[in-house]
Amino acid sequence: MRITVRAKPRARQPKVEQRDETHFVVAVREPPEDGRANAAIVKALAAHFGVAPAQVTIVAGHAGKTKIVDIARP
């Protein structure tokens, strides 16, 4: 499954919010430095979808707030 994610680093409360079928907003506490926010987004999406973090891949948008993410479903 491929989804579009709007990242919100340095958020007060971490959460995953679904806007529609393929668009999500993911808030994480980590800052966007050294890939820390991206790693937190991967973990948050893995927990939300009930898959291992290795099954969540950021395909595009590593340095931006809008990301394209692939989630491998078992």
N, C-alpha and C. Protein backbone atom coordinates (compact mmCIF):
# COMPACT_ATOMS: atom_id res chain seq x y z
N MET A 1 0.84 -1.16 0.00
CA MET A 1 0.00 0.00 0.00
C MET A 1 0.90 1.24 0.00
N ARG A 2 0.55 2.21 -0.79
CA ARG A 2 1.31 3.45 -0.84
C ARG A 2 0.44 4.58 -0.31
N ILE A 3 1.00 5.35 0.65
CA ILE A 3 0.24 6.44 1.25
C ILE A 3 1.07 7.73 1.20
N THR A 4 0.38 8.84 1.38
CA THR A 4 1.02 10.15 1.47
C THR A 4 0.94 10.59 2.93
N VAL A 5 2.08 11.05 3.44
CA VAL A 5 2.17 11.43 4.86
C VAL A 5 2.63 12.87 4.96
N ARG A 6 1.95 13.64 5.77
CA ARG A 6 2.37 15.00 6.12
C ARG A 6 3.02 14.90 7.50
N ALA A 7 4.30 15.19 7.59
CA ALA A 7 5.05 15.06 8.84
C ALA A 7 4.94 16.33 9.68
N LYS A 8 4.82 16.13 10.98
CA LYS A 8 4.84 17.22 11.95
C LYS A 8 5.88 16.90 13.02
N PRO A 9 7.14 17.25 12.79
CA PRO A 9 8.17 17.00 13.80
C PRO A 9 8.03 17.97 14.97
N ARG A 10 8.65 17.61 16.08
CA ARG A 10 8.65 18.42 17.31
C ARG A 10 7.23 18.71 17.81
N ALA A 11 6.34 17.75 17.67
CA ALA A 11 4.97 17.91 18.15
C ALA A 11 4.91 17.66 19.65
N ARG A 12 3.94 18.24 20.30
CA ARG A 12 3.77 18.01 21.74
C ARG A 12 3.29 16.59 22.01
N GLN A 13 2.33 16.13 21.21
CA GLN A 13 1.78 14.79 21.37
C GLN A 13 1.98 13.99 20.08
N PRO A 14 2.63 12.84 20.15
CA PRO A 14 2.76 12.02 18.94
C PRO A 14 1.43 11.36 18.60
N LYS A 15 1.08 11.37 17.30
CA LYS A 15 -0.16 10.72 16.88
C LYS A 15 -0.15 10.50 15.37
N VAL A 16 -0.98 9.56 14.96
CA VAL A 16 -1.21 9.28 13.54
C VAL A 16 -2.67 9.58 13.27
N GLU A 17 -2.92 10.50 12.35
CA GLU A 17 -4.28 10.93 12.04
C GLU A 17 -4.55 10.65 10.56
N GLN A 18 -5.62 9.92 10.29
CA GLN A 18 -5.97 9.58 8.92
C GLN A 18 -6.91 10.64 8.36
N ARG A 19 -6.50 11.28 7.25
CA ARG A 19 -7.33 12.31 6.60
C ARG A 19 -8.33 11.69 5.64
N ASP A 20 -7.85 10.76 4.83
CA ASP A 20 -8.72 9.96 3.96
C ASP A 20 -8.02 8.62 3.74
N GLU A 21 -8.42 7.91 2.72
CA GLU A 21 -7.93 6.55 2.54
C GLU A 21 -6.40 6.46 2.37
N THR A 22 -5.79 7.45 1.73
CA THR A 22 -4.35 7.37 1.46
C THR A 22 -3.56 8.56 2.01
N HIS A 23 -4.17 9.44 2.76
CA HIS A 23 -3.47 10.61 3.30
C HIS A 23 -3.51 10.60 4.83
N PHE A 24 -2.33 10.76 5.41
CA PHE A 24 -2.18 10.72 6.86
C PHE A 24 -1.37 11.92 7.33
N VAL A 25 -1.59 12.33 8.58
CA VAL A 25 -0.75 13.31 9.26
C VAL A 25 -0.12 12.57 10.43
N VAL A 26 1.22 12.61 10.50
CA VAL A 26 1.93 11.92 11.57
C VAL A 26 2.72 12.95 12.37
N ALA A 27 2.38 13.08 13.63
CA ALA A 27 3.08 13.99 14.54
C ALA A 27 4.03 13.17 15.41
N VAL A 28 5.28 13.62 15.48
CA VAL A 28 6.29 12.96 16.30
C VAL A 28 7.03 14.00 17.12
N ARG A 29 7.59 13.57 18.22
CA ARG A 29 8.32 14.50 19.11
C ARG A 29 9.73 14.79 18.63
N GLU A 30 10.31 13.91 17.86
CA GLU A 30 11.70 14.04 17.44
C GLU A 30 11.88 15.21 16.46
N PRO A 31 13.04 15.85 16.51
CA PRO A 31 13.32 16.95 15.57
C PRO A 31 13.74 16.39 14.21
N PRO A 32 13.61 17.19 13.17
CA PRO A 32 13.98 16.74 11.83
C PRO A 32 15.49 16.84 11.58
N GLU A 33 16.26 16.22 12.43
CA GLU A 33 17.73 16.27 12.33
C GLU A 33 18.27 14.86 12.30
N ASP A 34 19.20 14.60 11.41
CA ASP A 34 19.88 13.30 11.31
C ASP A 34 18.91 12.14 11.11
N GLY A 35 17.78 12.37 10.48
CA GLY A 35 16.82 11.31 10.21
C GLY A 35 16.02 10.84 11.40
N ARG A 36 16.10 11.56 12.51
CA ARG A 36 15.40 11.13 13.72
C ARG A 36 13.88 11.19 13.56
N ALA A 37 13.37 12.24 12.93
CA ALA A 37 11.93 12.35 12.72
C ALA A 37 11.45 11.27 11.75
N ASN A 38 12.21 11.01 10.70
CA ASN A 38 11.82 9.96 9.75
C ASN A 38 11.75 8.60 10.43
N ALA A 39 12.71 8.30 11.28
CA ALA A 39 12.71 7.02 12.00
C ALA A 39 11.49 6.92 12.91
N ALA A 40 11.15 8.02 13.56
CA ALA A 40 9.98 8.03 14.44
C ALA A 40 8.68 7.87 13.64
N ILE A 41 8.63 8.46 12.46
CA ILE A 41 7.46 8.33 11.59
C ILE A 41 7.29 6.88 11.15
N VAL A 42 8.39 6.24 10.79
CA VAL A 42 8.33 4.83 10.40
C VAL A 42 7.80 3.98 11.55
N LYS A 43 8.30 4.22 12.75
CA LYS A 43 7.83 3.44 13.92
C LYS A 43 6.36 3.71 14.21
N ALA A 44 5.94 4.96 14.11
CA ALA A 44 4.54 5.31 14.38
C ALA A 44 3.61 4.66 13.36
N LEU A 45 3.99 4.69 12.09
CA LEU A 45 3.15 4.07 11.06
C LEU A 45 3.12 2.56 11.21
N ALA A 46 4.25 1.96 11.57
CA ALA A 46 4.29 0.51 11.78
C ALA A 46 3.34 0.12 12.91
N ALA A 47 3.34 0.88 14.00
CA ALA A 47 2.44 0.59 15.11
C ALA A 47 0.98 0.79 14.71
N HIS A 48 0.72 1.84 13.94
CA HIS A 48 -0.65 2.14 13.51
C HIS A 48 -1.22 1.03 12.62
N PHE A 49 -0.41 0.52 11.70
CA PHE A 49 -0.86 -0.50 10.76
C PHE A 49 -0.63 -1.92 11.26
N GLY A 50 0.04 -2.08 12.39
CA GLY A 50 0.26 -3.41 12.95
C GLY A 50 1.26 -4.24 12.18
N VAL A 51 2.30 -3.59 11.66
CA VAL A 51 3.35 -4.29 10.93
C VAL A 51 4.70 -3.98 11.57
N ALA A 52 5.72 -4.71 11.15
CA ALA A 52 7.07 -4.45 11.65
C ALA A 52 7.62 -3.17 11.00
N PRO A 53 8.47 -2.42 11.70
CA PRO A 53 9.05 -1.22 11.10
C PRO A 53 9.81 -1.50 9.80
N ALA A 54 10.33 -2.70 9.64
CA ALA A 54 11.05 -3.04 8.41
C ALA A 54 10.11 -3.09 7.21
N GLN A 55 8.81 -3.17 7.43
CA GLN A 55 7.84 -3.22 6.35
C GLN A 55 7.35 -1.83 5.93
N VAL A 56 7.86 -0.79 6.58
CA VAL A 56 7.49 0.59 6.26
C VAL A 56 8.70 1.27 5.65
N THR A 57 8.54 1.80 4.43
CA THR A 57 9.65 2.42 3.71
C THR A 57 9.24 3.79 3.21
N ILE A 58 10.06 4.80 3.50
CA ILE A 58 9.84 6.13 2.94
C ILE A 58 10.44 6.12 1.54
N VAL A 59 9.58 6.30 0.54
CA VAL A 59 10.01 6.22 -0.86
C VAL A 59 10.49 7.57 -1.36
N ALA A 60 9.80 8.63 -0.98
CA ALA A 60 10.15 9.98 -1.43
C ALA A 60 9.84 10.97 -0.32
N GLY A 61 10.58 12.08 -0.33
CA GLY A 61 10.32 13.14 0.63
C GLY A 61 11.11 13.03 1.91
N HIS A 62 12.29 12.43 1.85
CA HIS A 62 13.11 12.26 3.05
C HIS A 62 13.42 13.58 3.74
N ALA A 63 13.61 14.64 2.98
CA ALA A 63 14.00 15.92 3.57
C ALA A 63 12.84 16.91 3.66
N GLY A 64 11.65 16.51 3.23
CA GLY A 64 10.51 17.42 3.25
C GLY A 64 9.45 16.98 4.23
N LYS A 65 8.42 17.80 4.35
CA LYS A 65 7.33 17.45 5.26
C LYS A 65 6.32 16.52 4.63
N THR A 66 6.23 16.51 3.30
CA THR A 66 5.32 15.60 2.61
C THR A 66 6.12 14.41 2.12
N LYS A 67 5.69 13.22 2.49
CA LYS A 67 6.42 11.99 2.18
C LYS A 67 5.50 10.98 1.50
N ILE A 68 6.09 10.17 0.65
CA ILE A 68 5.40 9.03 0.05
C ILE A 68 5.96 7.80 0.77
N VAL A 69 5.07 6.97 1.31
CA VAL A 69 5.49 5.83 2.14
C VAL A 69 4.84 4.56 1.61
N ASP A 70 5.66 3.52 1.48
CA ASP A 70 5.15 2.19 1.13
C ASP A 70 5.03 1.35 2.40
N ILE A 71 3.91 0.65 2.53
CA ILE A 71 3.70 -0.24 3.66
C ILE A 71 3.41 -1.62 3.11
N ALA A 72 4.29 -2.56 3.41
CA ALA A 72 4.13 -3.95 2.95
C ALA A 72 3.20 -4.65 3.90
N ARG A 73 2.10 -5.13 3.40
CA ARG A 73 1.14 -5.86 4.22
C ARG A 73 1.43 -7.35 4.11
N PRO A 74 1.34 -8.08 5.22
CA PRO A 74 1.59 -9.53 5.16
C PRO A 74 0.50 -10.27 4.41
